Amino acid sequence: MFKKAFYHPGETPDPNGPAYSPAICVDMGERKMIFMTGQIPVDAEGNVVFPGDAAAQAEYTFDKADKLLNEMGASLKDVVKAQIFVDNVDDWPAIAPVRNRVFAENKPVSTVVEIVRGTDPGCLLELDLIAII
């Protein structure tokens, strides 16, 4: 049987109430899988950072995701699947170079999806990541 650990760092805003986990680590014996809730470009107070700047929001959000992974003993180099949701696919040319730099070594499978609207107005992207350590 797998063991699940729910991760709730103190600085992560919890807009969804008690039935929400920013990340879950599943212990599979020799390996662990980390499933992260979508990471968005908001600070610890829940404020959108770098409004209107897709590249800066991407940098911030990948860095935020990496910090969360680091706290769980992983990093962006351990990501095996990345889903990137964008409010406007026309922002992809600004986001893609950040994504390509971050994942230059490990090359995870990836999907980019344009969405109608995210949960936080002003967030131009959301990252949904799975890592294995």
C-alpha atoms as a PDB file:
ATOM      1  CA  MET A   1       0.000   0.000   0.000  1.00  0.00           C
ATOM      2  CA  PHE A   2       1.209   3.499  -0.786  1.00  0.00           C
ATOM      3  CA  LYS A   3       1.730   6.113   1.905  1.00  0.00           C
ATOM      4  CA  LYS A   4       0.573   9.672   1.222  1.00  0.00           C
ATOM      5  CA  ALA A   5       1.915  12.772   2.936  1.00  0.00           C
ATOM      6  CA  PHE A   6      -0.026  15.998   2.517  1.00  0.00           C
ATOM      7  CA  TYR A   7       2.181  19.070   2.370  1.00  0.00           C
ATOM      8  CA  HIS A   8       0.990  22.464   3.625  1.00  0.00           C
ATOM      9  CA  PRO A   9       3.774  25.057   3.826  1.00  0.00           C
ATOM     10  CA  GLY A  10       2.956  27.971   6.101  1.00  0.00           C
ATOM     11  CA  GLU A  11       3.392  30.676   3.464  1.00  0.00           C
ATOM     12  CA  THR A  12       1.019  29.187   0.867  1.00  0.00           C
ATOM     13  CA  PRO A  13      -2.341  30.963   0.705  1.00  0.00           C
ATOM     14  CA  ASP A  14      -5.168  28.466   1.255  1.00  0.00           C
ATOM     15  CA  PRO A  15      -8.033  29.891  -0.818  1.00  0.00           C
ATOM     16  CA  ASN A  16      -9.826  26.562  -1.112  1.00  0.00           C
ATOM     17  CA  GLY A  17     -10.306  25.716   2.547  1.00  0.00           C
ATOM     18  CA  PRO A  18      -9.398  22.566   4.454  1.00  0.00           C
ATOM     19  CA  ALA A  19      -9.964  20.106   1.571  1.00  0.00           C
ATOM     20  CA  TYR A  20      -6.914  21.403  -0.327  1.00  0.00           C
ATOM     21  CA  SER A  21      -3.250  20.380  -0.432  1.00  0.00           C
ATOM     22  CA  PRO A  22      -0.551  22.404  -2.217  1.00  0.00           C
ATOM     23  CA  ALA A  23       1.318  19.118  -2.719  1.00  0.00           C
ATOM     24  CA  ILE A  24       1.055  15.419  -1.953  1.00  0.00           C
ATOM     25  CA  CYS A  25       4.046  13.112  -1.718  1.00  0.00           C
ATOM     26  CA  VAL A  26       3.271   9.452  -2.410  1.00  0.00           C
ATOM     27  CA  ASP A  27       5.857   7.027  -1.028  1.00  0.00           C
ATOM     28  CA  MET A  28       6.104   4.112  -3.443  1.00  0.00           C
ATOM     29  CA  GLY A  29       8.949   2.299  -1.707  1.00  0.00           C
ATOM     30  CA  GLU A  30      12.145   3.018  -3.615  1.00  0.00           C
ATOM     31  CA  ARG A  31      10.701   6.186  -5.155  1.00  0.00           C
ATOM     32  CA  LYS A  32       8.388   9.003  -4.208  1.00  0.00           C
ATOM     33  CA  MET A  33       5.997  10.836  -6.506  1.00  0.00           C
ATOM     34  CA  ILE A  34       5.150  14.452  -5.810  1.00  0.00           C
ATOM     35  CA  PHE A  35       1.924  15.879  -7.186  1.00  0.00           C
ATOM     36  CA  MET A  36       1.678  19.648  -6.991  1.00  0.00           C
ATOM     37  CA  THR A  37      -1.462  21.724  -7.081  1.00  0.00           C
ATOM     38  CA  GLY A  38      -1.321  24.334  -9.821  1.00  0.00           C
ATOM     39  CA  GLN A  39       1.187  27.053  -8.974  1.00  0.00           C
ATOM     40  CA  ILE A  40       0.216  30.593  -9.913  1.00  0.00           C
ATOM     41  CA  PRO A  41       2.079  33.912  -9.806  1.00  0.00           C
ATOM     42  CA  VAL A  42       0.806  35.177  -6.464  1.00  0.00           C
ATOM     43  CA  ASP A  43       2.869  36.140  -3.428  1.00  0.00           C
ATOM     44  CA  ALA A  44       2.416  34.890   0.151  1.00  0.00           C
ATOM     45  CA  GLU A  45      -0.360  37.442   0.699  1.00  0.00           C
ATOM     46  CA  GLY A  46      -2.253  36.247  -2.395  1.00  0.00           C
ATOM     47  CA  ASN A  47      -1.381  39.265  -4.565  1.00  0.00           C
ATOM     48  CA  VAL A  48      -0.723  38.760  -8.272  1.00  0.00           C
ATOM     49  CA  VAL A  49       2.900  39.604  -9.113  1.00  0.00           C
ATOM     50  CA  PHE A  50       4.114  41.253 -12.322  1.00  0.00           C
ATOM     51  CA  PRO A  51       0.644  42.007 -13.754  1.00  0.00           C
ATOM     52  CA  GLY A  52       0.605  41.796 -17.548  1.00  0.00           C
ATOM     53  CA  ASP A  53       4.163  40.436 -17.847  1.00  0.00           C
ATOM     54  CA  ALA A  54       3.943  36.763 -18.866  1.00  0.00           C
ATOM     55  CA  ALA A  55       7.714  36.174 -18.841  1.00  0.00           C
ATOM     56  CA  ALA A  56       8.167  37.640 -15.347  1.00  0.00           C
ATOM     57  CA  GLN A  57       5.143  35.712 -14.078  1.00  0.00           C
ATOM     58  CA  ALA A  58       6.612  32.514 -15.549  1.00  0.00           C
ATOM     59  CA  GLU A  59       9.993  33.139 -13.858  1.00  0.00           C
ATOM     60  CA  TYR A  60       8.295  33.814 -10.533  1.00  0.00           C
ATOM     61  CA  THR A  61       5.988  30.789 -10.778  1.00  0.00           C
ATOM     62  CA  PHE A  62       8.720  28.324 -11.769  1.00  0.00           C
ATOM     63  CA  ASP A  63      10.872  29.666  -8.914  1.00  0.00           C
ATOM     64  CA  LYS A  64       7.951  29.319  -6.491  1.00  0.00           C
ATOM     65  CA  ALA A  65       7.359  25.731  -7.656  1.00  0.00           C
ATOM     66  CA  ASP A  66      11.057  24.927  -7.278  1.00  0.00           C
ATOM     67  CA  LYS A  67      11.069  26.237  -3.692  1.00  0.00           C
ATOM     68  CA  LEU A  68       8.078  24.061  -2.827  1.00  0.00           C
ATOM     69  CA  LEU A  69       9.742  21.044  -4.432  1.00  0.00           C
ATOM     70  CA  ASN A  70      12.991  21.811  -2.544  1.00  0.00           C
ATOM     71  CA  GLU A  71      11.118  21.754   0.755  1.00  0.00           C
ATOM     72  CA  MET A  72      10.003  18.222  -0.158  1.00  0.00           C
ATOM     73  CA  GLY A  73      13.513  17.047  -1.134  1.00  0.00           C
ATOM     74  CA  ALA A  74      13.063  17.521  -4.892  1.00  0.00           C
ATOM     75  CA  SER A  75      13.649  20.181  -7.552  1.00  0.00           C
ATOM     76  CA  LEU A  76      12.454  21.164 -10.992  1.00  0.00           C
ATOM     77  CA  LYS A  77      15.060  18.711 -12.338  1.00  0.00           C
ATOM     78  CA  ASP A  78      12.901  15.909 -10.911  1.00  0.00           C
ATOM     79  CA  VAL A  79       9.761  16.947 -12.808  1.00  0.00           C
ATOM     80  CA  VAL A  80       8.518  14.256 -15.198  1.00  0.00           C
ATOM     81  CA  LYS A  81       5.293  15.941 -16.315  1.00  0.00           C
ATOM     82  CA  ALA A  82       4.397  19.599 -16.671  1.00  0.00           C
ATOM     83  CA  GLN A  83       1.068  21.070 -17.634  1.00  0.00           C
ATOM     84  CA  ILE A  84       1.054  24.786 -18.305  1.00  0.00           C
ATOM     85  CA  PHE A  85      -2.276  26.554 -18.496  1.00  0.00           C
ATOM     86  CA  VAL A  86      -2.251  29.992 -20.125  1.00  0.00           C
ATOM     87  CA  ASP A  87      -5.002  32.591 -20.256  1.00  0.00           C
ATOM     88  CA  ASN A  88      -3.897  33.606 -23.735  1.00  0.00           C
ATOM     89  CA  VAL A  89      -1.853  31.381 -26.026  1.00  0.00           C
ATOM     90  CA  ASP A  90      -0.368  34.553 -27.528  1.00  0.00           C
ATOM     91  CA  ASP A  91       1.663  34.790 -24.274  1.00  0.00           C
ATOM     92  CA  TRP A  92       3.356  31.455 -25.043  1.00  0.00           C
ATOM     93  CA  PRO A  93       6.306  33.057 -26.909  1.00  0.00           C
ATOM     94  CA  ALA A  94       7.153  34.923 -23.674  1.00  0.00           C
ATOM     95  CA  ILE A  95       6.654  31.869 -21.417  1.00  0.00           C
ATOM     96  CA  ALA A  96       8.323  29.206 -23.603  1.00  0.00           C
ATOM     97  CA  PRO A  97      11.921  30.461 -23.183  1.00  0.00           C
ATOM     98  CA  VAL A  98      11.540  30.322 -19.397  1.00  0.00           C
ATOM     99  CA  ARG A  99      10.083  26.811 -19.567  1.00  0.00           C
ATOM    100  CA  ASN A 100      12.789  25.662 -21.992  1.00  0.00           C
ATOM    101  CA  ARG A 101      15.592  27.003 -19.777  1.00  0.00           C
ATOM    102  CA  VAL A 102      14.137  25.482 -16.607  1.00  0.00           C
ATOM    103  CA  PHE A 103      13.634  22.068 -18.214  1.00  0.00           C
ATOM    104  CA  ALA A 104      16.703  22.051 -20.507  1.00  0.00           C
ATOM    105  CA  GLU A 105      18.260  19.032 -18.787  1.00  0.00           C
ATOM    106  CA  ASN A 106      15.382  16.793 -17.724  1.00  0.00           C
ATOM    107  CA  LYS A 107      12.942  17.450 -20.596  1.00  0.00           C
ATOM    108  CA  PRO A 108       9.648  16.383 -18.944  1.00  0.00           C
ATOM    109  CA  VAL A 109       6.594  15.539 -21.004  1.00  0.00           C
ATOM    110  CA  SER A 110       4.565  18.724 -21.266  1.00  0.00           C
ATOM    111  CA  THR A 111       1.220  20.074 -22.296  1.00  0.00           C
ATOM    112  CA  VAL A 112       0.254  23.691 -22.869  1.00  0.00           C
ATOM    113  CA  VAL A 113      -3.438  24.516 -22.744  1.00  0.00           C
ATOM    114  CA  GLU A 114      -5.203  27.821 -23.301  1.00  0.00           C
ATOM    115  CA  ILE A 115      -7.984  28.328 -20.766  1.00  0.00           C
ATOM    116  CA  VAL A 116     -10.872  30.760 -20.792  1.00  0.00           C
ATOM    117  CA  ARG A 117     -10.170  32.131 -17.334  1.00  0.00           C
ATOM    118  CA  GLY A 118      -8.142  31.170 -14.279  1.00  0.00           C
ATOM    119  CA  THR A 119      -9.259  31.445 -10.677  1.00  0.00           C
ATOM    120  CA  ASP A 120      -7.205  34.561  -9.978  1.00  0.00           C
ATOM    121  CA  PRO A 121      -7.665  37.534 -12.333  1.00  0.00           C
ATOM    122  CA  GLY A 122      -4.293  38.752 -13.567  1.00  0.00           C
ATOM    123  CA  CYS A 123      -2.541  35.374 -13.417  1.00  0.00           C
ATOM    124  CA  LEU A 124      -1.451  34.682 -16.972  1.00  0.00           C
ATOM    125  CA  LEU A 125      -0.366  31.082 -16.317  1.00  0.00           C
ATOM    126  CA  GLU A 126      -0.646  28.148 -13.953  1.00  0.00           C
ATOM    127  CA  LEU A 127       1.834  25.265 -13.557  1.00  0.00           C
ATOM    128  CA  ASP A 128       0.701  21.752 -12.702  1.00  0.00           C
ATOM    129  CA  LEU A 129       3.712  19.508 -12.004  1.00  0.00           C
ATOM    130  CA  ILE A 130       4.485  15.881 -11.173  1.00  0.00           C
ATOM    131  CA  ALA A 131       7.973  14.937  -9.919  1.00  0.00           C
ATOM    132  CA  ILE A 132       9.638  11.646  -9.007  1.00  0.00           C
ATOM    133  CA  ILE A 133      12.499  11.342  -6.508  1.00  0.00           C
END
